[in-house]
């Protein structure tokens, strides 16, 4: 069966699987099947409640031509002595009485009716952190029926929406569409390295049926409402693909 290839290269990318909390966003050291399928669904123009079981059934693999490294970004929001926004402020008489006291900033804990956060007990700074892959370049592949693979390749070339590498703040540095190949499970050994590869023997991770392979919760659900992330068995190996073609221009 044919394989659609995706070039996932950018200054930052993030493919979380573990955390459920907004205060902390982790990332695996490589793209996940769940994330890549979500990217493809976005390119195809799927809505959040659409059934993506056909995409989830595709065989997934990813190769780390340039692994990059992980960095954590500590972030803060809110804090101080201000209402939530200018509309809320103009509706509250306390602003008129104290025009020099209140300023504006990002949302924090707010009152459910007014949307304001006047209580000193709730005017606290929200702290969190996000982890990113910095300077990574990966080649991912989805293998399956030819009509679906062809539709995916067309959508990646002319996506229905803007595409990003895991989070909206992570735009791709190169076109994501990397063509198709007739190679299936062995494509990591035959597709040339990406131009910015830092190794000639990159590691590849592939979906497998082996009962002894490590399992991670990166299998995408069939719909957003059914967030039943099943574990996905993946095995890793060292590959020796052809060298990268020389870039022109």
C-alpha atoms as a PDB file:
ATOM      1  CA  UNK A   1       0.000   0.000   0.000  1.00  0.00           C
ATOM      2  CA  UNK A   2       1.203   3.564  -0.666  1.00  0.00           C
ATOM      3  CA  UNK A   3       2.419   5.974   1.981  1.00  0.00           C
ATOM      4  CA  UNK A   4       1.860   9.705   2.337  1.00  0.00           C
ATOM      5  CA  UNK A   5       4.993  11.443   3.610  1.00  0.00           C
ATOM      6  CA  UNK A   6       4.972  14.517   5.855  1.00  0.00           C
ATOM      7  CA  UNK A   7       7.969  16.754   6.525  1.00  0.00           C
ATOM      8  CA  UNK A   8       7.646  18.018  10.107  1.00  0.00           C
ATOM      9  CA  UNK A   9      10.390  20.606  10.437  1.00  0.00           C
ATOM     10  CA  UNK A  10      10.352  23.864  12.362  1.00  0.00           C
ATOM     11  CA  UNK A  11      11.975  26.033  15.039  1.00  0.00           C
ATOM     12  CA  UNK A  12       9.560  24.579  17.618  1.00  0.00           C
ATOM     13  CA  UNK A  13       7.107  21.697  17.731  1.00  0.00           C
ATOM     14  CA  UNK A  14       5.239  19.893  20.477  1.00  0.00           C
ATOM     15  CA  UNK A  15       3.506  16.509  20.540  1.00  0.00           C
ATOM     16  CA  UNK A  16       2.116  15.893  24.023  1.00  0.00           C
ATOM     17  CA  UNK A  17       0.691  12.601  25.236  1.00  0.00           C
ATOM     18  CA  UNK A  18       0.868  12.488  29.034  1.00  0.00           C
ATOM     19  CA  UNK A  19      -0.536  15.591  30.686  1.00  0.00           C
ATOM     20  CA  UNK A  20      -4.211  16.509  31.076  1.00  0.00           C
ATOM     21  CA  UNK A  21      -3.559  19.795  32.845  1.00  0.00           C
ATOM     22  CA  UNK A  22      -3.451  23.258  31.281  1.00  0.00           C
ATOM     23  CA  UNK A  23      -0.671  24.377  33.622  1.00  0.00           C
ATOM     24  CA  UNK A  24       1.778  21.883  32.145  1.00  0.00           C
ATOM     25  CA  UNK A  25       2.155  20.818  28.511  1.00  0.00           C
ATOM     26  CA  UNK A  26       4.666  18.088  27.821  1.00  0.00           C
ATOM     27  CA  UNK A  27       5.929  16.697  24.531  1.00  0.00           C
ATOM     28  CA  UNK A  28       7.308  13.424  23.329  1.00  0.00           C
ATOM     29  CA  UNK A  29      10.722  13.680  21.673  1.00  0.00           C
ATOM     30  CA  UNK A  30       9.122  12.939  18.284  1.00  0.00           C
ATOM     31  CA  UNK A  31       5.775  13.462  16.519  1.00  0.00           C
ATOM     32  CA  UNK A  32       2.952  11.152  17.630  1.00  0.00           C
ATOM     33  CA  UNK A  33       0.356   9.358  15.542  1.00  0.00           C
ATOM     34  CA  UNK A  34      -2.423  11.241  17.322  1.00  0.00           C
ATOM     35  CA  UNK A  35      -0.817  14.580  16.487  1.00  0.00           C
ATOM     36  CA  UNK A  36      -0.052  13.713  12.865  1.00  0.00           C
ATOM     37  CA  UNK A  37      -3.563  12.376  12.263  1.00  0.00           C
ATOM     38  CA  UNK A  38      -4.949  15.574  13.786  1.00  0.00           C
ATOM     39  CA  UNK A  39      -2.779  17.628  11.442  1.00  0.00           C
ATOM     40  CA  UNK A  40      -4.039  15.630   8.441  1.00  0.00           C
ATOM     41  CA  UNK A  41      -7.660  15.957   9.591  1.00  0.00           C
ATOM     42  CA  UNK A  42      -7.141  19.726   9.760  1.00  0.00           C
ATOM     43  CA  UNK A  43      -5.692  19.750   6.236  1.00  0.00           C
ATOM     44  CA  UNK A  44      -8.716  17.801   4.986  1.00  0.00           C
ATOM     45  CA  UNK A  45     -11.064  20.314   6.608  1.00  0.00           C
ATOM     46  CA  UNK A  46     -12.620  17.956   9.155  1.00  0.00           C
ATOM     47  CA  UNK A  47     -14.636  19.482  11.970  1.00  0.00           C
ATOM     48  CA  UNK A  48     -14.094  18.599  15.605  1.00  0.00           C
ATOM     49  CA  UNK A  49     -16.990  16.126  15.770  1.00  0.00           C
ATOM     50  CA  UNK A  50     -16.254  14.351  12.466  1.00  0.00           C
ATOM     51  CA  UNK A  51     -15.485  10.640  12.449  1.00  0.00           C
ATOM     52  CA  UNK A  52     -11.765  10.155  11.708  1.00  0.00           C
ATOM     53  CA  UNK A  53     -11.682   6.379  12.119  1.00  0.00           C
ATOM     54  CA  UNK A  54     -10.359   5.968   8.550  1.00  0.00           C
ATOM     55  CA  UNK A  55      -7.406   8.207   9.361  1.00  0.00           C
ATOM     56  CA  UNK A  56      -6.829   6.524  12.716  1.00  0.00           C
ATOM     57  CA  UNK A  57      -6.645   3.128  10.965  1.00  0.00           C
ATOM     58  CA  UNK A  58      -3.660   4.170   8.811  1.00  0.00           C
ATOM     59  CA  UNK A  59      -0.264   2.696   9.690  1.00  0.00           C
ATOM     60  CA  UNK A  60       2.084   5.265  11.188  1.00  0.00           C
ATOM     61  CA  UNK A  61       5.860   5.663  11.261  1.00  0.00           C
ATOM     62  CA  UNK A  62       8.201   8.593  11.901  1.00  0.00           C
ATOM     63  CA  UNK A  63      11.943   9.064  11.353  1.00  0.00           C
ATOM     64  CA  UNK A  64      14.115  11.565  13.261  1.00  0.00           C
ATOM     65  CA  UNK A  65      16.505  12.984  10.657  1.00  0.00           C
ATOM     66  CA  UNK A  66      17.283  15.909  12.961  1.00  0.00           C
ATOM     67  CA  UNK A  67      16.193  15.016  16.511  1.00  0.00           C
ATOM     68  CA  UNK A  68      16.598  18.522  17.935  1.00  0.00           C
ATOM     69  CA  UNK A  69      16.436  18.954  21.700  1.00  0.00           C
ATOM     70  CA  UNK A  70      13.830  19.683  24.372  1.00  0.00           C
ATOM     71  CA  UNK A  71      13.432  23.053  26.088  1.00  0.00           C
ATOM     72  CA  UNK A  72      10.898  24.201  28.676  1.00  0.00           C
ATOM     73  CA  UNK A  73       9.210  27.593  28.569  1.00  0.00           C
ATOM     74  CA  UNK A  74       8.001  28.868  31.948  1.00  0.00           C
ATOM     75  CA  UNK A  75       4.979  31.177  31.608  1.00  0.00           C
ATOM     76  CA  UNK A  76       2.884  33.416  33.847  1.00  0.00           C
ATOM     77  CA  UNK A  77      -0.445  35.164  33.275  1.00  0.00           C
ATOM     78  CA  UNK A  78      -2.627  37.469  35.320  1.00  0.00           C
ATOM     79  CA  UNK A  79      -1.989  38.835  38.771  1.00  0.00           C
ATOM     80  CA  UNK A  80      -2.416  42.440  39.833  1.00  0.00           C
ATOM     81  CA  UNK A  81      -5.342  44.690  40.665  1.00  0.00           C
ATOM     82  CA  UNK A  82      -7.512  44.896  37.545  1.00  0.00           C
ATOM     83  CA  UNK A  83     -10.763  43.651  35.970  1.00  0.00           C
ATOM     84  CA  UNK A  84     -10.792  41.141  33.132  1.00  0.00           C
ATOM     85  CA  UNK A  85     -11.380  43.440  30.146  1.00  0.00           C
ATOM     86  CA  UNK A  86     -12.449  46.949  29.261  1.00  0.00           C
ATOM     87  CA  UNK A  87     -16.096  45.969  28.655  1.00  0.00           C
ATOM     88  CA  UNK A  88     -16.367  44.463  32.141  1.00  0.00           C
ATOM     89  CA  UNK A  89     -14.584  47.480  33.582  1.00  0.00           C
ATOM     90  CA  UNK A  90     -16.948  50.038  32.072  1.00  0.00           C
ATOM     91  CA  UNK A  91     -19.941  48.186  33.540  1.00  0.00           C
ATOM     92  CA  UNK A  92     -18.571  48.266  37.065  1.00  0.00           C
ATOM     93  CA  UNK A  93     -18.989  51.493  39.060  1.00  0.00           C
ATOM     94  CA  UNK A  94     -15.822  50.805  41.042  1.00  0.00           C
ATOM     95  CA  UNK A  95     -13.726  51.702  37.991  1.00  0.00           C
ATOM     96  CA  UNK A  96     -15.335  55.152  37.750  1.00  0.00           C
ATOM     97  CA  UNK A  97     -14.655  55.665  41.445  1.00  0.00           C
ATOM     98  CA  UNK A  98     -11.024  54.564  41.146  1.00  0.00           C
ATOM     99  CA  UNK A  99      -9.859  55.420  37.588  1.00  0.00           C
ATOM    100  CA  UNK A 100      -6.148  55.245  38.426  1.00  0.00           C
ATOM    101  CA  UNK A 101      -6.277  51.956  40.307  1.00  0.00           C
ATOM    102  CA  UNK A 102      -7.251  49.458  37.648  1.00  0.00           C
ATOM    103  CA  UNK A 103      -5.316  48.263  34.612  1.00  0.00           C
ATOM    104  CA  UNK A 104      -5.841  45.453  32.119  1.00  0.00           C
ATOM    105  CA  UNK A 105      -4.224  42.068  31.565  1.00  0.00           C
ATOM    106  CA  UNK A 106      -4.844  38.423  30.638  1.00  0.00           C
ATOM    107  CA  UNK A 107      -7.792  36.397  32.051  1.00  0.00           C
ATOM    108  CA  UNK A 108      -7.408  34.578  35.351  1.00  0.00           C
ATOM    109  CA  UNK A 109     -10.032  33.276  37.762  1.00  0.00           C
ATOM    110  CA  UNK A 110     -13.189  35.224  37.010  1.00  0.00           C
ATOM    111  CA  UNK A 111     -16.663  35.664  38.417  1.00  0.00           C
ATOM    112  CA  UNK A 112     -19.130  33.427  36.517  1.00  0.00           C
ATOM    113  CA  UNK A 113     -21.776  36.174  36.108  1.00  0.00           C
ATOM    114  CA  UNK A 114     -19.868  39.415  35.575  1.00  0.00           C
ATOM    115  CA  UNK A 115     -16.697  37.953  34.144  1.00  0.00           C
ATOM    116  CA  UNK A 116     -14.647  40.141  36.473  1.00  0.00           C
ATOM    117  CA  UNK A 117     -12.042  39.197  39.026  1.00  0.00           C
ATOM    118  CA  UNK A 118     -12.278  41.839  41.753  1.00  0.00           C
ATOM    119  CA  UNK A 119     -11.878  39.620  44.801  1.00  0.00           C
ATOM    120  CA  UNK A 120      -8.285  39.906  46.087  1.00  0.00           C
ATOM    121  CA  UNK A 121      -8.324  36.169  46.798  1.00  0.00           C
ATOM    122  CA  UNK A 122      -8.699  35.412  43.083  1.00  0.00           C
ATOM    123  CA  UNK A 123      -6.262  38.015  41.757  1.00  0.00           C
ATOM    124  CA  UNK A 124      -3.351  35.602  41.675  1.00  0.00           C
ATOM    125  CA  UNK A 125      -0.772  34.896  39.014  1.00  0.00           C
ATOM    126  CA  UNK A 126      -1.279  31.683  37.050  1.00  0.00           C
ATOM    127  CA  UNK A 127       1.993  29.834  36.471  1.00  0.00           C
ATOM    128  CA  UNK A 128       2.657  27.062  33.973  1.00  0.00           C
ATOM    129  CA  UNK A 129       5.211  25.598  31.635  1.00  0.00           C
ATOM    130  CA  UNK A 130       5.308  24.202  28.133  1.00  0.00           C
ATOM    131  CA  UNK A 131       7.935  21.917  26.644  1.00  0.00           C
ATOM    132  CA  UNK A 132       8.966  22.057  22.982  1.00  0.00           C
ATOM    133  CA  UNK A 133      11.204  20.200  20.546  1.00  0.00           C
ATOM    134  CA  UNK A 134      13.667  22.829  19.329  1.00  0.00           C
ATOM    135  CA  UNK A 135      15.211  22.630  15.861  1.00  0.00           C
ATOM    136  CA  UNK A 136      13.809  19.207  14.993  1.00  0.00           C
ATOM    137  CA  UNK A 137      13.144  17.774  11.533  1.00  0.00           C
ATOM    138  CA  UNK A 138      11.134  14.580  11.217  1.00  0.00           C
ATOM    139  CA  UNK A 139       9.732  12.603   8.317  1.00  0.00           C
ATOM    140  CA  UNK A 140       6.414  10.944   9.114  1.00  0.00           C
ATOM    141  CA  UNK A 141       4.443   8.485   7.019  1.00  0.00           C
ATOM    142  CA  UNK A 142       0.843   7.284   6.940  1.00  0.00           C
ATOM    143  CA  UNK A 143       0.272   4.055   4.994  1.00  0.00           C
ATOM    144  CA  UNK A 144      -3.089   2.873   3.726  1.00  0.00           C
ATOM    145  CA  UNK A 145      -5.520   2.585   0.799  1.00  0.00           C
ATOM    146  CA  UNK A 146      -4.453   4.467  -2.335  1.00  0.00           C
ATOM    147  CA  UNK A 147      -7.561   6.720  -2.657  1.00  0.00           C
ATOM    148  CA  UNK A 148      -7.211   7.984   0.910  1.00  0.00           C
ATOM    149  CA  UNK A 149      -3.435   8.454   0.599  1.00  0.00           C
ATOM    150  CA  UNK A 150      -3.912  10.462  -2.598  1.00  0.00           C
ATOM    151  CA  UNK A 151      -6.563  12.619  -0.913  1.00  0.00           C
ATOM    152  CA  UNK A 152      -4.218  13.263   2.022  1.00  0.00           C
ATOM    153  CA  UNK A 153      -1.360  14.267  -0.273  1.00  0.00           C
ATOM    154  CA  UNK A 154      -3.608  16.722  -2.137  1.00  0.00           C
ATOM    155  CA  UNK A 155      -4.867  18.176   1.137  1.00  0.00           C
ATOM    156  CA  UNK A 156      -1.353  18.631   2.521  1.00  0.00           C
ATOM    157  CA  UNK A 157      -0.401  20.481  -0.659  1.00  0.00           C
ATOM    158  CA  UNK A 158      -3.439  22.767  -0.448  1.00  0.00           C
ATOM    159  CA  UNK A 159      -4.742  22.464   3.136  1.00  0.00           C
ATOM    160  CA  UNK A 160      -8.221  23.596   4.130  1.00  0.00           C
ATOM    161  CA  UNK A 161      -6.745  25.388   7.161  1.00  0.00           C
ATOM    162  CA  UNK A 162      -3.370  26.601   8.342  1.00  0.00           C
ATOM    163  CA  UNK A 163      -1.220  23.722   9.597  1.00  0.00           C
ATOM    164  CA  UNK A 164       1.078  23.732  12.606  1.00  0.00           C
ATOM    165  CA  UNK A 165       3.380  21.311  14.390  1.00  0.00           C
ATOM    166  CA  UNK A 166       1.364  20.251  17.419  1.00  0.00           C
ATOM    167  CA  UNK A 167       0.444  23.741  18.667  1.00  0.00           C
ATOM    168  CA  UNK A 168      -0.665  26.890  16.885  1.00  0.00           C
ATOM    169  CA  UNK A 169       2.499  28.691  17.971  1.00  0.00           C
ATOM    170  CA  UNK A 170       4.622  26.156  16.046  1.00  0.00           C
ATOM    171  CA  UNK A 171       4.488  26.880  12.283  1.00  0.00           C
ATOM    172  CA  UNK A 172       6.362  24.589   9.885  1.00  0.00           C
ATOM    173  CA  UNK A 173       9.619  25.809   8.353  1.00  0.00           C
ATOM    174  CA  UNK A 174       9.164  23.734   5.187  1.00  0.00           C
ATOM    175  CA  UNK A 175       6.162  22.543   3.161  1.00  0.00           C
ATOM    176  CA  UNK A 176       4.630  19.620   5.028  1.00  0.00           C
ATOM    177  CA  UNK A 177       3.620  17.715   1.876  1.00  0.00           C
ATOM    178  CA  UNK A 178       6.575  15.470   0.985  1.00  0.00           C
ATOM    179  CA  UNK A 179       4.911  13.387  -1.711  1.00  0.00           C
ATOM    180  CA  UNK A 180       3.912   9.730  -1.705  1.00  0.00           C
ATOM    181  CA  UNK A 181       5.794   6.473  -2.087  1.00  0.00           C
ATOM    182  CA  UNK A 182       4.845   2.886  -2.904  1.00  0.00           C
ATOM    183  CA  UNK A 183       6.998   1.713  -0.001  1.00  0.00           C
ATOM    184  CA  UNK A 184       4.912   0.786   3.039  1.00  0.00           C
ATOM    185  CA  UNK A 185       6.486  -0.372   6.297  1.00  0.00           C
ATOM    186  CA  UNK A 186       9.992  -0.145   4.866  1.00  0.00           C
ATOM    187  CA  UNK A 187       9.808   3.469   3.684  1.00  0.00           C
ATOM    188  CA  UNK A 188      12.197   4.772   6.425  1.00  0.00           C
ATOM    189  CA  UNK A 189      14.986   2.737   4.753  1.00  0.00           C
ATOM    190  CA  UNK A 190      14.326   4.029   1.227  1.00  0.00           C
ATOM    191  CA  UNK A 191      13.270   7.697   1.405  1.00  0.00           C
ATOM    192  CA  UNK A 192      16.302  10.046   1.310  1.00  0.00           C
ATOM    193  CA  UNK A 193      17.257  12.044   4.361  1.00  0.00           C
ATOM    194  CA  UNK A 194      15.872  15.552   4.785  1.00  0.00           C
ATOM    195  CA  UNK A 195      18.299  18.328   3.718  1.00  0.00           C
ATOM    196  CA  UNK A 196      18.983  19.458   7.303  1.00  0.00           C
ATOM    197  CA  UNK A 197      19.579  15.955   8.685  1.00  0.00           C
ATOM    198  CA  UNK A 198      22.258  15.725  11.366  1.00  0.00           C
ATOM    199  CA  UNK A 199      22.768  11.963  11.172  1.00  0.00           C
ATOM    200  CA  UNK A 200      23.155   9.338   8.464  1.00  0.00           C
ATOM    201  CA  UNK A 201      21.598   6.659  10.654  1.00  0.00           C
ATOM    202  CA  UNK A 202      18.373   8.164  12.037  1.00  0.00           C
ATOM    203  CA  UNK A 203      16.072   6.372  14.454  1.00  0.00           C
ATOM    204  CA  UNK A 204      12.617   5.430  13.185  1.00  0.00           C
ATOM    205  CA  UNK A 205       9.555   4.525  15.244  1.00  0.00           C
ATOM    206  CA  UNK A 206       6.912   2.340  13.631  1.00  0.00           C
ATOM    207  CA  UNK A 207       3.484   1.112  14.552  1.00  0.00           C
ATOM    208  CA  UNK A 208       3.588  -2.632  15.083  1.00  0.00           C
ATOM    209  CA  UNK A 209       1.382  -5.584  15.995  1.00  0.00           C
ATOM    210  CA  UNK A 210       3.993  -6.976  18.371  1.00  0.00           C
ATOM    211  CA  UNK A 211       2.665  -7.720  21.846  1.00  0.00           C
ATOM    212  CA  UNK A 212       6.087  -6.989  23.381  1.00  0.00           C
ATOM    213  CA  UNK A 213       6.563  -3.497  21.910  1.00  0.00           C
ATOM    214  CA  UNK A 214       6.295  -0.466  24.215  1.00  0.00           C
ATOM    215  CA  UNK A 215       2.804   1.023  24.273  1.00  0.00           C
ATOM    216  CA  UNK A 216       2.026   4.729  24.413  1.00  0.00           C
ATOM    217  CA  UNK A 217      -1.356   6.550  24.529  1.00  0.00           C
ATOM    218  CA  UNK A 218      -0.939   8.119  21.077  1.00  0.00           C
ATOM    219  CA  UNK A 219      -3.653   6.322  19.105  1.00  0.00           C
ATOM    220  CA  UNK A 220      -6.162   9.021  18.050  1.00  0.00           C
ATOM    221  CA  UNK A 221      -9.813   8.603  19.028  1.00  0.00           C
ATOM    222  CA  UNK A 222     -12.437   8.128  16.322  1.00  0.00           C
ATOM    223  CA  UNK A 223     -14.067  11.456  17.290  1.00  0.00           C
ATOM    224  CA  UNK A 224     -13.139  14.304  19.610  1.00  0.00           C
ATOM    225  CA  UNK A 225     -16.031  13.445  21.927  1.00  0.00           C
ATOM    226  CA  UNK A 226     -14.743   9.880  22.306  1.00  0.00           C
ATOM    227  CA  UNK A 227     -11.456  10.786  23.872  1.00  0.00           C
ATOM    228  CA  UNK A 228     -10.563   7.150  24.459  1.00  0.00           C
ATOM    229  CA  UNK A 229      -6.895   7.307  23.542  1.00  0.00           C
ATOM    230  CA  UNK A 230      -5.971   3.671  23.236  1.00  0.00           C
ATOM    231  CA  UNK A 231      -2.345   2.686  23.576  1.00  0.00           C
ATOM    232  CA  UNK A 232      -0.345   2.152  20.409  1.00  0.00           C
ATOM    233  CA  UNK A 233       2.477  -0.425  20.223  1.00  0.00           C
ATOM    234  CA  UNK A 234       5.574   1.166  18.682  1.00  0.00           C
ATOM    235  CA  UNK A 235       9.008  -0.257  18.040  1.00  0.00           C
ATOM    236  CA  UNK A 236      12.146   1.724  17.216  1.00  0.00           C
ATOM    237  CA  UNK A 237      15.127   0.862  15.051  1.00  0.00           C
ATOM    238  CA  UNK A 238      18.141   2.446  13.373  1.00  0.00           C
ATOM    239  CA  UNK A 239      17.781   3.096   9.640  1.00  0.00           C
ATOM    240  CA  UNK A 240      20.294   3.778   6.843  1.00  0.00           C
ATOM    241  CA  UNK A 241      18.384   5.793   4.221  1.00  0.00           C
ATOM    242  CA  UNK A 242      19.913   7.331   1.083  1.00  0.00           C
ATOM    243  CA  UNK A 243      21.651  10.708   1.495  1.00  0.00           C
ATOM    244  CA  UNK A 244      19.705  13.921   1.221  1.00  0.00           C
ATOM    245  CA  UNK A 245      19.352  15.401  -2.262  1.00  0.00           C
ATOM    246  CA  UNK A 246      21.255  18.641  -2.736  1.00  0.00           C
ATOM    247  CA  UNK A 247      19.004  21.674  -2.441  1.00  0.00           C
ATOM    248  CA  UNK A 248      18.994  24.208  -5.270  1.00  0.00           C
ATOM    249  CA  UNK A 249      18.432  27.928  -5.131  1.00  0.00           C
END
